[in-house]
C-alpha cells in the first residue's frame, strides 16, 4: 500500500496517514518501518532515515498535534495549546541538510530532522491565514488539503482518490433515477 501525497503539504500528508478518521480509522503508520517508508516517499524529505519505536511515537504525536491544529484552523478556533507545544518542540531540531549536485537537489538527515522539517512546514502553513486549508468533500474522506485552485473552489483532496468516486456515484444515481421513471 502506497501513501498518497495530494494534500499540498507534507504536514497535511502526514495527517492523512490515518484514513477515514470519522468512520473506520486506519492508521498507515503501524510500525517504525511504515514511518521510514512515508519519509522516503515524501519528495520534500530525506530519502534514507531509520526509525525505532520511540521515533514512531514522536511521528504519531506530531501527526496528531498537527491534525488538532489544522482542524482548529479550518473551524476558526484558537489553536489547542497542547498541540502548539508538540509542534513547536518538533520544529526545534536542525532541519535536513540541502545539497546541490549535477544530479539535482538532495536532502540528508535523520528522522528527527525530517520531522522537524514537517513541523516547520506545518507551522508556516497554519500561520498563513491567506492559504485555504480545507477538508475533502467526500463524506468518507477526512483528508485535509491546501486549496490552490483558482478562486479556492476545489472540493476534493484529489481527483484520483475522491473526485472520481463522487462523480461516478452521482452518475450512477442519475442513471438509476432514469431507469426507475
N, C-alpha and C. Protein backbone atom coordinates (compact mmCIF):
# COMPACT_ATOMS: atom_id res chain seq x y z
N UNK A 1 0.85 -1.18 0.00
CA UNK A 1 0.00 0.00 0.00
C UNK A 1 0.89 1.23 0.00
N UNK A 2 0.69 2.11 -0.96
CA UNK A 2 1.48 3.33 -1.04
C UNK A 2 0.75 4.49 -0.36
N UNK A 3 1.52 5.49 -0.04
CA UNK A 3 0.96 6.69 0.57
C UNK A 3 0.57 7.66 -0.54
N UNK A 4 -0.48 8.43 -0.28
CA UNK A 4 -0.91 9.45 -1.23
C UNK A 4 -0.38 10.80 -0.77
N UNK A 5 0.28 11.51 -1.66
CA UNK A 5 0.82 12.83 -1.37
C UNK A 5 0.08 13.85 -2.25
N UNK A 6 -1.16 14.14 -1.88
CA UNK A 6 -2.00 15.02 -2.68
C UNK A 6 -2.46 16.25 -1.91
N UNK A 7 -2.04 16.38 -0.67
CA UNK A 7 -2.56 17.45 0.19
C UNK A 7 -1.94 18.81 -0.07
N UNK A 8 -0.79 18.84 -0.72
CA UNK A 8 -0.12 20.11 -0.98
C UNK A 8 0.82 20.54 0.12
N UNK A 9 1.04 19.66 1.10
CA UNK A 9 1.92 19.96 2.22
C UNK A 9 2.31 18.65 2.91
N UNK A 10 3.61 18.44 3.18
CA UNK A 10 3.99 17.23 3.92
C UNK A 10 3.29 17.13 5.28
N UNK A 11 3.04 18.26 5.93
CA UNK A 11 2.35 18.22 7.23
C UNK A 11 0.95 17.65 7.06
N UNK A 12 0.22 18.08 6.04
CA UNK A 12 -1.12 17.56 5.81
C UNK A 12 -1.08 16.12 5.31
N UNK A 13 -0.04 15.78 4.54
CA UNK A 13 0.12 14.40 4.10
C UNK A 13 0.43 13.48 5.28
N UNK A 14 1.17 13.97 6.26
CA UNK A 14 1.42 13.17 7.47
C UNK A 14 0.10 12.93 8.20
N UNK A 15 -0.72 13.97 8.33
CA UNK A 15 -2.03 13.82 8.97
C UNK A 15 -2.85 12.75 8.25
N UNK A 16 -2.73 12.69 6.94
CA UNK A 16 -3.51 11.75 6.13
C UNK A 16 -3.06 10.31 6.26
N UNK A 17 -2.04 10.05 7.09
CA UNK A 17 -1.65 8.65 7.31
C UNK A 17 -2.63 7.94 8.24
N UNK A 18 -3.67 8.64 8.67
CA UNK A 18 -4.84 7.99 9.26
C UNK A 18 -5.98 8.26 8.29
N UNK A 19 -6.47 7.20 7.69
CA UNK A 19 -7.55 7.34 6.71
C UNK A 19 -8.90 7.19 7.39
N UNK A 20 -9.92 7.83 6.85
CA UNK A 20 -11.31 7.71 7.33
C UNK A 20 -11.42 7.88 8.84
N UNK A 21 -10.91 8.99 9.34
CA UNK A 21 -10.90 9.23 10.79
C UNK A 21 -12.29 9.15 11.42
N UNK A 22 -13.33 9.58 10.72
CA UNK A 22 -14.68 9.60 11.31
C UNK A 22 -15.37 8.25 11.30
N UNK A 23 -15.13 7.43 10.30
CA UNK A 23 -15.92 6.22 10.11
C UNK A 23 -15.20 4.94 10.50
N UNK A 24 -14.12 4.65 9.86
CA UNK A 24 -13.36 3.43 10.11
C UNK A 24 -11.88 3.77 10.04
N UNK A 25 -11.33 4.41 11.08
CA UNK A 25 -9.94 4.87 11.02
C UNK A 25 -8.97 3.73 10.74
N UNK A 26 -8.05 4.01 9.83
CA UNK A 26 -6.98 3.05 9.52
C UNK A 26 -5.67 3.80 9.60
N UNK A 27 -4.81 3.38 10.54
CA UNK A 27 -3.52 4.02 10.74
C UNK A 27 -2.49 3.37 9.82
N UNK A 28 -1.97 4.15 8.89
CA UNK A 28 -0.97 3.64 7.95
C UNK A 28 0.43 3.65 8.53
N UNK A 29 0.60 4.21 9.73
CA UNK A 29 1.90 4.22 10.40
C UNK A 29 1.85 3.28 11.61
N UNK A 30 1.74 1.99 11.33
CA UNK A 30 1.62 1.00 12.40
C UNK A 30 2.97 0.56 12.95
N UNK A 31 4.02 0.72 12.16
CA UNK A 31 5.35 0.26 12.57
C UNK A 31 6.39 1.33 12.24
N UNK A 32 7.56 1.24 12.88
CA UNK A 32 8.63 2.17 12.51
C UNK A 32 8.98 2.10 11.02
N UNK A 33 8.91 0.92 10.44
CA UNK A 33 9.21 0.77 9.00
C UNK A 33 8.21 1.56 8.15
N UNK A 34 6.95 1.64 8.60
CA UNK A 34 5.95 2.42 7.87
C UNK A 34 6.35 3.90 7.87
N UNK A 35 6.81 4.40 9.01
CA UNK A 35 7.24 5.80 9.09
C UNK A 35 8.46 6.04 8.21
N UNK A 36 9.41 5.11 8.22
CA UNK A 36 10.59 5.22 7.34
C UNK A 36 10.16 5.32 5.89
N UNK A 37 9.21 4.45 5.50
CA UNK A 37 8.73 4.43 4.11
C UNK A 37 8.01 5.73 3.76
N UNK A 38 7.19 6.26 4.69
CA UNK A 38 6.49 7.51 4.43
C UNK A 38 7.49 8.64 4.18
N UNK A 39 8.50 8.74 5.03
CA UNK A 39 9.52 9.78 4.86
C UNK A 39 10.23 9.60 3.52
N UNK A 40 10.59 8.37 3.20
CA UNK A 40 11.29 8.10 1.94
C UNK A 40 10.44 8.48 0.73
N UNK A 41 9.14 8.24 0.78
CA UNK A 41 8.27 8.53 -0.36
C UNK A 41 7.91 10.01 -0.49
N UNK A 42 8.11 10.79 0.57
CA UNK A 42 7.81 12.21 0.53
C UNK A 42 8.97 12.94 -0.15
N UNK A 43 8.70 13.57 -1.28
CA UNK A 43 9.76 14.23 -2.06
C UNK A 43 10.49 15.33 -1.32
N UNK A 44 9.87 15.92 -0.32
CA UNK A 44 10.45 17.07 0.37
C UNK A 44 11.23 16.69 1.62
N UNK A 45 11.51 15.38 1.79
CA UNK A 45 12.22 14.91 2.98
C UNK A 45 13.39 14.02 2.57
N UNK A 46 14.33 13.78 3.50
CA UNK A 46 15.46 12.89 3.18
C UNK A 46 14.94 11.51 2.76
N UNK A 47 15.68 10.86 1.89
CA UNK A 47 15.19 9.57 1.40
C UNK A 47 15.72 8.37 2.16
N UNK A 48 16.60 8.58 3.11
CA UNK A 48 17.13 7.45 3.88
C UNK A 48 17.16 7.80 5.37
N UNK A 49 16.16 7.33 6.08
CA UNK A 49 16.13 7.51 7.53
C UNK A 49 15.83 6.17 8.17
N UNK A 50 16.19 6.04 9.43
CA UNK A 50 15.83 4.85 10.19
C UNK A 50 14.99 5.29 11.38
N UNK A 51 14.07 4.43 11.77
CA UNK A 51 13.16 4.76 12.86
C UNK A 51 13.05 3.58 13.81
N UNK A 52 12.94 3.90 15.08
CA UNK A 52 12.67 2.91 16.11
C UNK A 52 11.30 3.20 16.71
N UNK A 53 10.96 2.47 17.76
CA UNK A 53 9.65 2.63 18.40
C UNK A 53 9.46 4.04 18.95
N UNK A 54 10.49 4.62 19.55
CA UNK A 54 10.38 5.99 20.09
C UNK A 54 10.19 7.00 18.97
N UNK A 55 10.84 6.76 17.83
CA UNK A 55 10.68 7.66 16.67
C UNK A 55 9.25 7.59 16.14
N UNK A 56 8.70 6.37 16.08
CA UNK A 56 7.32 6.22 15.63
C UNK A 56 6.39 6.97 16.58
N UNK A 57 6.62 6.86 17.88
CA UNK A 57 5.80 7.60 18.84
C UNK A 57 5.89 9.10 18.59
N UNK A 58 7.09 9.60 18.33
CA UNK A 58 7.27 11.03 18.04
C UNK A 58 6.53 11.44 16.78
N UNK A 59 6.62 10.62 15.75
CA UNK A 59 5.94 10.91 14.49
C UNK A 59 4.43 10.92 14.65
N UNK A 60 3.91 9.96 15.40
CA UNK A 60 2.46 9.88 15.63
C UNK A 60 2.00 11.06 16.49
N UNK A 61 2.79 11.40 17.50
CA UNK A 61 2.45 12.55 18.35
C UNK A 61 2.40 13.84 17.52
N UNK A 62 3.40 14.02 16.63
CA UNK A 62 3.43 15.18 15.75
C UNK A 62 2.21 15.17 14.82
N UNK A 63 1.92 14.02 14.24
CA UNK A 63 0.78 13.90 13.32
C UNK A 63 -0.52 14.32 14.01
N UNK A 64 -0.74 13.81 15.20
CA UNK A 64 -2.00 14.10 15.90
C UNK A 64 -2.07 15.56 16.34
N UNK A 65 -0.94 16.13 16.75
CA UNK A 65 -0.92 17.55 17.11
C UNK A 65 -1.19 18.42 15.89
N UNK A 66 -0.57 18.09 14.76
CA UNK A 66 -0.83 18.84 13.52
C UNK A 66 -2.30 18.71 13.13
N UNK A 67 -2.87 17.54 13.31
CA UNK A 67 -4.28 17.35 12.97
C UNK A 67 -5.17 18.24 13.82
N UNK A 68 -4.94 18.26 15.13
CA UNK A 68 -5.74 19.12 16.01
C UNK A 68 -5.61 20.59 15.61
N UNK A 69 -4.38 21.03 15.34
CA UNK A 69 -4.16 22.43 14.99
C UNK A 69 -4.78 22.77 13.63
N UNK A 70 -4.68 21.86 12.68
CA UNK A 70 -5.26 22.10 11.36
C UNK A 70 -6.79 22.18 11.46
N UNK A 71 -7.39 21.32 12.26
CA UNK A 71 -8.84 21.41 12.45
C UNK A 71 -9.22 22.71 13.15
N UNK A 72 -8.39 23.12 14.11
CA UNK A 72 -8.64 24.42 14.76
C UNK A 72 -8.66 25.52 13.71
N UNK A 73 -7.70 25.48 12.81
CA UNK A 73 -7.60 26.49 11.74
C UNK A 73 -8.80 26.43 10.81
N UNK A 74 -9.17 25.22 10.36
CA UNK A 74 -10.29 25.05 9.43
C UNK A 74 -11.59 25.53 10.07
N UNK A 75 -11.75 25.26 11.36
CA UNK A 75 -13.00 25.60 12.05
C UNK A 75 -12.97 26.98 12.71
N UNK A 76 -11.88 27.73 12.51
CA UNK A 76 -11.80 29.10 13.01
C UNK A 76 -11.65 29.24 14.51
N UNK A 77 -11.09 28.23 15.15
CA UNK A 77 -10.89 28.27 16.60
C UNK A 77 -9.46 28.68 16.93
N UNK A 78 -9.26 29.05 18.19
CA UNK A 78 -7.90 29.28 18.69
C UNK A 78 -7.17 27.94 18.68
N UNK A 79 -5.86 27.98 18.46
CA UNK A 79 -5.08 26.75 18.45
C UNK A 79 -5.08 26.07 19.82
N UNK A 80 -5.14 24.76 19.82
CA UNK A 80 -5.07 23.96 21.04
C UNK A 80 -3.67 24.11 21.64
N UNK A 81 -3.55 24.59 22.89
CA UNK A 81 -2.22 24.81 23.49
C UNK A 81 -1.34 23.57 23.50
N UNK A 82 -1.89 22.41 23.82
CA UNK A 82 -1.08 21.19 23.86
C UNK A 82 -0.53 20.86 22.47
N UNK A 83 -1.32 21.09 21.43
CA UNK A 83 -0.86 20.86 20.06
C UNK A 83 0.28 21.79 19.69
N UNK A 84 0.17 23.05 20.13
CA UNK A 84 1.24 24.02 19.87
C UNK A 84 2.56 23.58 20.50
N UNK A 85 2.50 23.07 21.72
CA UNK A 85 3.72 22.62 22.41
C UNK A 85 4.39 21.50 21.62
N UNK A 86 3.61 20.51 21.20
CA UNK A 86 4.17 19.36 20.47
C UNK A 86 4.79 19.80 19.15
N UNK A 87 4.07 20.60 18.38
CA UNK A 87 4.55 21.02 17.06
C UNK A 87 5.77 21.93 17.19
N UNK A 88 5.73 22.87 18.12
CA UNK A 88 6.87 23.77 18.30
C UNK A 88 8.12 23.02 18.75
N UNK A 89 7.96 22.03 19.63
CA UNK A 89 9.12 21.21 20.05
C UNK A 89 9.66 20.39 18.90
N UNK A 90 8.76 19.84 18.10
CA UNK A 90 9.20 19.01 16.96
C UNK A 90 9.94 19.84 15.93
N UNK A 91 9.64 21.14 15.85
CA UNK A 91 10.28 22.02 14.86
C UNK A 91 11.66 22.49 15.31
N UNK A 92 12.01 22.29 16.57
CA UNK A 92 13.25 22.85 17.12
C UNK A 92 14.55 22.24 16.59
N UNK A 93 14.63 20.93 16.34
CA UNK A 93 15.91 20.37 15.88
C UNK A 93 16.32 20.93 14.51
N UNK A 94 17.60 20.79 14.18
CA UNK A 94 18.06 21.25 12.86
C UNK A 94 17.32 20.52 11.74
N UNK A 95 17.02 21.23 10.64
CA UNK A 95 16.33 20.60 9.51
C UNK A 95 17.31 19.74 8.71
N UNK A 96 16.81 19.01 7.73
CA UNK A 96 17.70 18.24 6.86
C UNK A 96 18.70 19.15 6.15
N UNK A 97 19.82 18.59 5.80
CA UNK A 97 20.85 19.30 5.05
C UNK A 97 20.48 19.27 3.57
N UNK A 98 20.60 20.41 2.92
CA UNK A 98 20.29 20.52 1.50
C UNK A 98 21.60 20.57 0.73
N UNK A 99 21.72 19.71 -0.28
CA UNK A 99 22.93 19.67 -1.10
C UNK A 99 22.55 19.75 -2.57
N UNK A 100 23.34 20.49 -3.34
CA UNK A 100 23.12 20.61 -4.77
C UNK A 100 24.24 19.86 -5.49
N UNK A 101 23.86 19.11 -6.51
CA UNK A 101 24.85 18.43 -7.34
C UNK A 101 24.34 18.44 -8.77
N UNK A 102 25.13 17.90 -9.68
CA UNK A 102 24.69 17.81 -11.07
C UNK A 102 23.44 16.94 -11.21
N UNK A 103 23.23 16.03 -10.27
CA UNK A 103 22.04 15.16 -10.28
C UNK A 103 20.82 15.90 -9.74
N UNK A 104 21.01 17.06 -9.13
CA UNK A 104 19.89 17.83 -8.61
C UNK A 104 20.00 18.05 -7.11
N UNK A 105 18.88 18.25 -6.49
CA UNK A 105 18.80 18.55 -5.07
C UNK A 105 18.74 17.26 -4.27
N UNK A 106 19.46 17.22 -3.15
CA UNK A 106 19.44 16.06 -2.28
C UNK A 106 19.31 16.54 -0.85
N UNK A 107 18.40 15.92 -0.12
CA UNK A 107 18.23 16.20 1.30
C UNK A 107 18.79 15.04 2.10
N UNK A 108 19.51 15.36 3.16
CA UNK A 108 20.01 14.30 4.03
C UNK A 108 19.77 14.69 5.48
N UNK A 109 19.63 13.70 6.30
CA UNK A 109 19.40 13.92 7.71
C UNK A 109 18.72 12.71 8.32
N UNK A 110 18.59 12.75 9.63
CA UNK A 110 17.95 11.65 10.32
C UNK A 110 16.44 11.89 10.43
N UNK A 111 15.76 10.97 11.09
CA UNK A 111 14.32 11.09 11.21
C UNK A 111 13.92 12.33 12.00
N UNK A 112 14.69 12.66 13.02
CA UNK A 112 14.39 13.86 13.82
C UNK A 112 14.42 15.11 12.93
N UNK A 113 15.39 15.19 12.03
CA UNK A 113 15.48 16.32 11.10
C UNK A 113 14.30 16.32 10.14
N UNK A 114 13.89 15.13 9.68
CA UNK A 114 12.75 15.04 8.77
C UNK A 114 11.47 15.52 9.46
N UNK A 115 11.27 15.09 10.70
CA UNK A 115 10.07 15.52 11.43
C UNK A 115 10.12 17.01 11.74
N UNK A 116 11.33 17.54 11.98
CA UNK A 116 11.47 18.99 12.20
C UNK A 116 11.05 19.74 10.94
N UNK A 117 11.42 19.23 9.78
CA UNK A 117 11.03 19.84 8.50
C UNK A 117 9.51 19.82 8.33
N UNK A 118 8.89 18.69 8.66
CA UNK A 118 7.44 18.58 8.56
C UNK A 118 6.77 19.56 9.52
N UNK A 119 7.27 19.63 10.76
CA UNK A 119 6.69 20.54 11.76
C UNK A 119 6.83 21.99 11.31
N UNK A 120 8.00 22.36 10.80
CA UNK A 120 8.20 23.73 10.32
C UNK A 120 7.24 24.07 9.17
N UNK A 121 7.09 23.13 8.26
CA UNK A 121 6.15 23.34 7.16
C UNK A 121 4.73 23.50 7.66
N UNK A 122 4.36 22.69 8.66
CA UNK A 122 3.03 22.80 9.25
C UNK A 122 2.83 24.15 9.93
N UNK A 123 3.86 24.61 10.63
CA UNK A 123 3.79 25.92 11.29
C UNK A 123 3.58 27.03 10.26
N UNK A 124 4.39 27.00 9.20
CA UNK A 124 4.27 28.03 8.15
C UNK A 124 2.89 28.00 7.51
N UNK A 125 2.39 26.80 7.23
CA UNK A 125 1.08 26.66 6.60
C UNK A 125 -0.03 27.18 7.51
N UNK A 126 -0.02 26.76 8.76
CA UNK A 126 -1.10 27.12 9.67
C UNK A 126 -1.04 28.58 10.11
N UNK A 127 0.15 29.18 10.04
CA UNK A 127 0.29 30.59 10.40
C UNK A 127 -0.21 31.51 9.29
N UNK A 128 -0.24 31.01 8.06
CA UNK A 128 -0.65 31.81 6.90
C UNK A 128 -2.16 31.73 6.71
N UNK A 129 -2.87 32.68 7.24
CA UNK A 129 -4.35 32.67 7.15
C UNK A 129 -4.84 32.88 5.72
N UNK A 130 -3.96 33.31 4.82
CA UNK A 130 -4.35 33.52 3.43
C UNK A 130 -4.33 32.26 2.60
N UNK A 131 -3.78 31.17 3.13
CA UNK A 131 -3.74 29.90 2.41
C UNK A 131 -4.92 29.05 2.86
N UNK A 132 -5.87 28.76 1.95
CA UNK A 132 -7.04 27.98 2.35
C UNK A 132 -6.69 26.51 2.61
N UNK A 133 -6.97 26.07 3.82
CA UNK A 133 -6.86 24.66 4.19
C UNK A 133 -8.28 24.16 4.35
N UNK A 134 -8.60 23.06 3.65
CA UNK A 134 -9.96 22.53 3.64
C UNK A 134 -9.96 21.04 3.92
N UNK A 135 -11.16 20.53 4.25
CA UNK A 135 -11.34 19.09 4.39
C UNK A 135 -12.05 18.59 3.14
N UNK A 136 -11.67 17.41 2.68
CA UNK A 136 -12.24 16.81 1.47
C UNK A 136 -13.76 16.75 1.58
N UNK A 137 -14.43 16.99 0.46
CA UNK A 137 -15.88 17.00 0.40
C UNK A 137 -16.51 15.63 0.30
N UNK A 138 -15.72 14.58 0.10
CA UNK A 138 -16.29 13.22 0.07
C UNK A 138 -16.52 12.78 1.51
N UNK A 139 -17.75 12.44 1.88
CA UNK A 139 -18.07 12.16 3.28
C UNK A 139 -17.17 11.12 3.97
N UNK A 140 -16.73 10.10 3.26
CA UNK A 140 -15.90 9.07 3.88
C UNK A 140 -14.44 9.49 4.03
N UNK A 141 -14.05 10.58 3.40
CA UNK A 141 -12.66 11.03 3.43
C UNK A 141 -12.51 12.16 4.44
N UNK A 142 -11.44 12.11 5.20
CA UNK A 142 -11.18 13.16 6.19
C UNK A 142 -9.87 13.88 5.90
N UNK A 143 -9.36 13.72 4.69
CA UNK A 143 -8.09 14.34 4.34
C UNK A 143 -8.23 15.86 4.29
N UNK A 144 -7.24 16.54 4.85
CA UNK A 144 -7.14 18.00 4.77
C UNK A 144 -6.18 18.32 3.64
N UNK A 145 -6.42 19.42 2.93
CA UNK A 145 -5.57 19.78 1.80
C UNK A 145 -5.50 21.29 1.65
N UNK A 146 -4.45 21.73 0.96
CA UNK A 146 -4.29 23.14 0.62
C UNK A 146 -5.01 23.37 -0.70
N UNK A 147 -5.94 24.31 -0.71
CA UNK A 147 -6.69 24.61 -1.93
C UNK A 147 -6.01 25.75 -2.68
N UNK A 148 -5.24 25.39 -3.70
CA UNK A 148 -4.56 26.38 -4.52
C UNK A 148 -5.27 26.59 -5.85
N UNK A 149 -6.50 26.10 -5.95
CA UNK A 149 -7.24 26.25 -7.19
C UNK A 149 -7.67 27.70 -7.38
N UNK A 150 -7.97 28.03 -8.60
CA UNK A 150 -8.42 29.38 -8.91
C UNK A 150 -9.73 29.65 -8.16
N UNK A 151 -9.75 30.70 -7.39
CA UNK A 151 -10.93 31.05 -6.61
C UNK A 151 -11.14 30.16 -5.40
N UNK A 152 -10.18 29.30 -5.09
CA UNK A 152 -10.27 28.37 -3.95
C UNK A 152 -11.59 27.60 -3.98
N UNK A 153 -11.89 27.01 -5.16
CA UNK A 153 -13.15 26.29 -5.33
C UNK A 153 -12.98 24.78 -5.36
N UNK A 154 -11.81 24.29 -5.05
CA UNK A 154 -11.57 22.85 -5.05
C UNK A 154 -12.44 22.19 -3.97
N UNK A 155 -12.99 21.04 -4.29
CA UNK A 155 -13.91 20.35 -3.38
C UNK A 155 -13.31 19.10 -2.76
N UNK A 156 -12.42 18.42 -3.48
CA UNK A 156 -11.90 17.13 -3.02
C UNK A 156 -10.40 17.21 -2.82
N UNK A 157 -9.91 16.28 -2.02
CA UNK A 157 -8.47 16.23 -1.77
C UNK A 157 -7.71 15.93 -3.06
N UNK A 158 -8.30 15.15 -3.93
CA UNK A 158 -7.69 14.84 -5.21
C UNK A 158 -8.70 14.15 -6.11
N UNK A 159 -8.56 14.33 -7.40
CA UNK A 159 -9.50 13.71 -8.34
C UNK A 159 -9.38 12.19 -8.32
N UNK A 160 -8.15 11.67 -8.30
CA UNK A 160 -7.98 10.22 -8.33
C UNK A 160 -8.58 9.56 -7.09
N UNK A 161 -8.30 10.12 -5.93
CA UNK A 161 -8.73 9.49 -4.69
C UNK A 161 -10.22 9.68 -4.43
N UNK A 162 -10.72 10.88 -4.59
CA UNK A 162 -12.10 11.17 -4.17
C UNK A 162 -12.99 11.77 -5.24
N UNK A 163 -12.48 12.69 -6.03
CA UNK A 163 -13.30 13.36 -7.03
C UNK A 163 -13.96 12.40 -7.99
N UNK A 164 -13.19 11.44 -8.50
CA UNK A 164 -13.75 10.46 -9.44
C UNK A 164 -14.82 9.61 -8.77
N UNK A 165 -14.61 9.25 -7.51
CA UNK A 165 -15.61 8.44 -6.78
C UNK A 165 -16.92 9.20 -6.64
N UNK A 166 -16.84 10.47 -6.27
CA UNK A 166 -18.05 11.28 -6.09
C UNK A 166 -18.77 11.46 -7.43
N UNK A 167 -18.01 11.76 -8.46
CA UNK A 167 -18.62 11.96 -9.78
C UNK A 167 -19.24 10.67 -10.30
N UNK A 168 -18.57 9.53 -10.10
CA UNK A 168 -19.11 8.25 -10.55
C UNK A 168 -20.38 7.90 -9.77
N UNK A 169 -20.40 8.16 -8.48
CA UNK A 169 -21.59 7.87 -7.67
C UNK A 169 -22.75 8.75 -8.12
N UNK A 170 -22.49 10.02 -8.43
CA UNK A 170 -23.54 10.92 -8.90
C UNK A 170 -24.08 10.44 -10.26
N UNK A 171 -23.18 9.99 -11.13
CA UNK A 171 -23.60 9.48 -12.43
C UNK A 171 -24.48 8.24 -12.27
N UNK A 172 -24.04 7.32 -11.41
CA UNK A 172 -24.84 6.11 -11.17
C UNK A 172 -26.21 6.47 -10.60
N UNK A 173 -26.27 7.43 -9.70
CA UNK A 173 -27.54 7.85 -9.11
C UNK A 173 -28.46 8.45 -10.18
N UNK A 174 -27.88 9.25 -11.08
CA UNK A 174 -28.69 9.83 -12.16
C UNK A 174 -29.23 8.72 -13.07
N UNK A 175 -28.36 7.78 -13.41
CA UNK A 175 -28.77 6.68 -14.30
C UNK A 175 -29.84 5.82 -13.62
N UNK A 176 -29.68 5.57 -12.34
CA UNK A 176 -30.67 4.81 -11.58
C UNK A 176 -32.00 5.54 -11.58
N UNK A 177 -31.96 6.86 -11.43
CA UNK A 177 -33.18 7.67 -11.47
C UNK A 177 -33.89 7.60 -12.80
N UNK A 178 -33.11 7.53 -13.88
CA UNK A 178 -33.68 7.44 -15.22
C UNK A 178 -34.36 6.08 -15.42
N UNK A 179 -33.78 5.03 -14.85
CA UNK A 179 -34.31 3.69 -15.01
C UNK A 179 -35.62 3.53 -14.23
N UNK A 180 -35.71 4.15 -13.06
CA UNK A 180 -36.91 3.98 -12.22
C UNK A 180 -38.07 4.86 -12.64
N UNK A 181 -37.90 5.75 -13.59
CA UNK A 181 -39.01 6.62 -14.04
C UNK A 181 -39.97 5.90 -14.88
